[in-house]
Amino acid sequence: MNTRRDLLLGMGALGVAALGLHTAGRTRTGDRRLPNTLLQTHTGQTVRFYDDLVRDKVVAINMMYVACTGICPTATANLRQVYRLLGERVGRDVFLYSLSLQPELDSPEVLRDYAAQQGIGPGWLLLTGAPEELEQLRYSLGFYDPDPLLDADKNNHTGMLRIGNDRYRRWTMAAALASPRQILGTIEHVEA
């Protein structure tokens, strides 16, 4: 049950998230704004980003890489708390996806080992693929810095989550380091 404090924190997070609200989905006529990039999961499956992972779903997406010593470990730990808060809804109503920023190093096997080490369960996929295609996907999701020099440095990557409901074309962003309840509030906002 939410306390008054949790509700106020959640409303504050939604207000911040609403500032970044914009459409990044596709129209029903097939005009895709999100690429249908071919990816490999940490479980060994080959999937298409849009068709298999996003179409008609509520998703929370972040960028990470296994060797990161900056924001990634903290963001992953935070997302584990969101995963726990979502409970049975993960993999059924809400899907979590972590895309590799270093696909040349993060093979499906490396991601599988990382998922086991981090306690990542069903409904949360770690994804890798061709470097140039993941780069295009990263840009299409808004995970970039407008300064090309900053953007090229993987240590400066954004600590954001792209959260969306493709069915209703509702998309926003939330800080990966926001409280897990605030992130959950943002997910529930686009889900409604």
Protein backbone atom coordinates (compact mmCIF):
# COMPACT_ATOMS: atom_id res chain seq x y z
CA MET A 1 0.00 0.00 0.00
CA ASN A 2 1.33 3.45 -0.87
CA THR A 3 1.92 5.91 1.88
CA ARG A 4 1.22 9.59 1.44
CA ARG A 5 4.98 10.20 1.22
CA ASP A 6 5.35 7.57 -1.56
CA LEU A 7 2.47 9.14 -3.47
CA LEU A 8 4.01 12.61 -3.20
CA LEU A 9 7.41 11.29 -4.31
CA GLY A 10 5.79 9.47 -7.21
CA MET A 11 3.86 12.56 -8.28
CA GLY A 12 7.10 14.54 -8.19
CA ALA A 13 8.81 11.92 -10.36
CA LEU A 14 5.91 11.97 -12.79
CA GLY A 15 6.16 15.74 -13.03
CA VAL A 16 9.84 15.49 -13.90
CA ALA A 17 9.18 12.62 -16.29
CA ALA A 18 6.40 14.54 -18.01
CA LEU A 19 8.93 17.17 -19.03
CA GLY A 20 10.56 14.55 -21.24
CA LEU A 21 7.34 13.02 -22.55
CA HIS A 22 7.22 12.57 -26.29
CA THR A 23 6.18 9.99 -28.83
CA ALA A 24 8.79 7.52 -30.02
CA GLY A 25 6.47 4.72 -31.10
CA ARG A 26 5.07 3.90 -34.49
CA THR A 27 1.84 4.62 -36.21
CA ARG A 28 -0.56 1.82 -37.07
CA THR A 29 0.25 2.36 -40.75
CA GLY A 30 3.73 0.93 -40.22
CA ASP A 31 5.66 4.19 -39.98
CA ARG A 32 8.27 3.02 -37.49
CA ARG A 33 10.32 5.47 -35.53
CA LEU A 34 11.93 2.69 -33.51
CA PRO A 35 14.16 0.41 -35.56
CA ASN A 36 13.51 -3.30 -35.75
CA THR A 37 17.12 -4.08 -34.92
CA LEU A 38 18.20 -7.70 -34.79
CA LEU A 39 19.50 -8.47 -31.27
CA GLN A 40 20.72 -11.41 -29.21
CA THR A 41 19.49 -11.95 -25.67
CA HIS A 42 21.52 -13.16 -22.71
CA THR A 43 19.41 -16.32 -22.89
CA GLY A 44 20.67 -17.09 -26.42
CA GLN A 45 17.63 -16.04 -28.44
CA THR A 46 17.69 -13.86 -31.56
CA VAL A 47 14.96 -11.20 -31.47
CA ARG A 48 13.84 -8.12 -33.37
CA PHE A 49 13.76 -5.02 -31.18
CA TYR A 50 10.42 -3.62 -32.24
CA ASP A 51 8.46 -6.68 -33.35
CA ASP A 52 9.48 -9.02 -30.54
CA LEU A 53 10.28 -6.74 -27.62
CA VAL A 54 8.32 -3.49 -27.89
CA ARG A 55 5.21 -3.91 -30.04
CA ASP A 56 2.07 -3.36 -27.92
CA LYS A 57 4.03 -3.67 -24.65
CA VAL A 58 4.95 -1.56 -21.64
CA VAL A 59 8.74 -1.45 -21.47
CA ALA A 60 11.57 0.09 -19.46
CA ILE A 61 14.87 0.28 -21.36
CA ASN A 62 18.34 1.30 -20.26
CA MET A 63 21.84 1.28 -21.75
CA MET A 64 24.67 -0.46 -19.89
CA TYR A 65 27.79 -2.55 -20.34
CA VAL A 66 29.25 -5.28 -18.21
CA ALA A 67 32.70 -3.70 -17.66
CA CYS A 68 31.22 -0.35 -16.56
CA THR A 69 32.51 0.85 -13.20
CA GLY A 70 30.52 4.08 -13.23
CA ILE A 71 26.74 4.34 -13.13
CA CYS A 72 25.86 0.83 -14.43
CA PRO A 73 26.31 -1.19 -11.21
CA THR A 74 24.20 1.27 -9.22
CA ALA A 75 21.56 1.54 -11.96
CA THR A 76 21.36 -2.27 -12.22
CA ALA A 77 20.97 -2.59 -8.46
CA ASN A 78 18.21 0.02 -8.58
CA LEU A 79 16.45 -1.78 -11.42
CA ARG A 80 16.59 -5.01 -9.39
CA GLN A 81 14.51 -3.19 -6.76
CA VAL A 82 12.04 -2.06 -9.46
CA TYR A 83 11.93 -5.68 -10.67
CA ARG A 84 11.01 -6.81 -7.14
CA LEU A 85 8.35 -4.11 -6.80
CA LEU A 86 6.78 -5.18 -10.10
CA GLY A 87 6.65 -8.79 -8.92
CA GLU A 88 4.53 -11.07 -11.13
CA ARG A 89 3.93 -8.22 -13.59
CA VAL A 90 7.49 -8.48 -14.96
CA GLY A 91 7.43 -10.42 -18.21
CA ARG A 92 3.65 -10.30 -18.35
CA ASP A 93 2.58 -6.63 -18.11
CA VAL A 94 5.95 -4.85 -18.02
CA PHE A 95 9.23 -5.82 -19.68
CA LEU A 96 12.73 -4.66 -18.72
CA TYR A 97 15.50 -4.42 -21.33
CA SER A 98 19.16 -3.51 -20.86
CA LEU A 99 20.99 -2.79 -24.13
CA SER A 100 24.77 -3.11 -24.28
CA LEU A 101 26.86 -0.05 -25.07
CA GLN A 102 29.82 -2.33 -25.78
CA PRO A 103 28.41 -5.09 -27.97
CA GLU A 104 31.89 -5.92 -29.24
CA LEU A 105 32.71 -7.10 -25.67
CA ASP A 106 29.27 -8.03 -24.32
CA SER A 107 28.52 -11.31 -26.09
CA PRO A 108 25.37 -13.24 -25.16
CA GLU A 109 27.58 -15.47 -22.97
CA VAL A 110 29.12 -12.51 -21.15
CA LEU A 111 25.64 -11.04 -20.63
CA ARG A 112 24.33 -14.43 -19.40
CA ASP A 113 27.08 -14.59 -16.76
CA TYR A 114 26.41 -10.98 -15.75
CA ALA A 115 22.66 -11.67 -15.47
CA ALA A 116 23.36 -14.65 -13.18
CA GLN A 117 25.80 -12.60 -11.08
CA GLN A 118 23.28 -9.75 -10.76
CA GLY A 119 20.27 -11.95 -10.03
CA ILE A 120 18.39 -10.88 -13.16
CA GLY A 121 15.32 -13.04 -13.66
CA PRO A 122 12.65 -13.74 -16.28
CA GLY A 123 11.04 -10.71 -17.93
CA TRP A 124 14.31 -8.76 -17.91
CA LEU A 125 16.54 -9.24 -20.94
CA LEU A 126 20.13 -8.13 -21.48
CA LEU A 127 20.67 -7.48 -25.18
CA THR A 128 23.56 -7.20 -27.60
CA GLY A 129 23.97 -7.10 -31.36
CA ALA A 130 25.91 -5.52 -34.20
CA PRO A 131 27.70 -2.39 -32.91
CA GLU A 132 26.47 -0.09 -35.71
CA GLU A 133 22.87 -1.25 -35.30
CA LEU A 134 22.94 -0.83 -31.51
CA GLU A 135 24.34 2.65 -32.05
CA GLN A 136 21.39 3.50 -34.32
CA LEU A 137 19.00 2.04 -31.75
CA ARG A 138 20.66 4.05 -28.96
CA TYR A 139 20.11 7.28 -30.89
CA SER A 140 16.52 6.42 -31.78
CA LEU A 141 15.77 5.86 -28.07
CA GLY A 142 17.29 9.23 -27.13
CA PHE A 143 20.30 7.82 -25.23
CA TYR A 144 22.90 10.25 -26.51
CA ASP A 145 24.64 13.51 -25.70
CA PRO A 146 24.34 16.29 -28.30
CA ASP A 147 28.08 16.96 -27.83
CA PRO A 148 29.80 14.37 -30.06
CA LEU A 149 32.95 14.32 -27.89
CA LEU A 150 30.97 13.55 -24.74
CA ASP A 151 28.75 11.11 -26.60
CA ALA A 152 31.76 9.12 -27.87
CA ASP A 153 33.01 8.46 -24.32
CA LYS A 154 31.20 5.35 -23.01
CA ASN A 155 32.05 6.42 -19.43
CA ASN A 156 29.75 9.43 -19.87
CA HIS A 157 26.67 7.46 -20.91
CA THR A 158 23.28 8.57 -19.70
CA GLY A 159 21.79 7.18 -16.52
CA MET A 160 18.28 7.29 -17.90
CA LEU A 161 15.49 4.81 -18.55
CA ARG A 162 13.27 5.07 -21.60
CA ILE A 163 9.83 3.97 -20.41
CA GLY A 164 7.04 3.44 -22.87
CA ASN A 165 3.68 1.96 -23.69
CA ASP A 166 3.80 1.19 -27.41
CA ARG A 167 0.12 0.33 -27.67
CA TYR A 168 -0.84 3.88 -26.63
CA ARG A 169 2.32 5.54 -27.99
CA ARG A 170 3.14 6.99 -24.56
CA TRP A 171 6.86 7.46 -23.92
CA THR A 172 8.88 9.22 -21.28
CA MET A 173 12.20 9.00 -19.47
CA ALA A 174 13.17 8.58 -15.84
CA ALA A 175 16.49 8.72 -14.07
CA ALA A 176 17.84 5.21 -13.47
CA LEU A 177 19.01 6.43 -10.06
CA ALA A 178 15.61 7.76 -8.99
CA SER A 179 14.06 5.82 -6.15
CA PRO A 180 12.62 2.47 -7.24
CA ARG A 181 9.15 3.67 -6.19
CA GLN A 182 9.52 6.77 -8.39
CA ILE A 183 10.53 4.61 -11.35
CA LEU A 184 7.59 2.31 -10.64
CA GLY A 185 5.32 5.39 -10.55
CA THR A 186 6.59 6.43 -13.99
CA ILE A 187 5.99 2.94 -15.37
CA GLU A 188 2.47 2.94 -13.94
CA HIS A 189 1.87 6.40 -15.42
CA VAL A 190 2.53 5.24 -19.00
CA GLU A 191 0.77 1.95 -18.33
CA ALA A 192 -2.53 3.60 -17.41
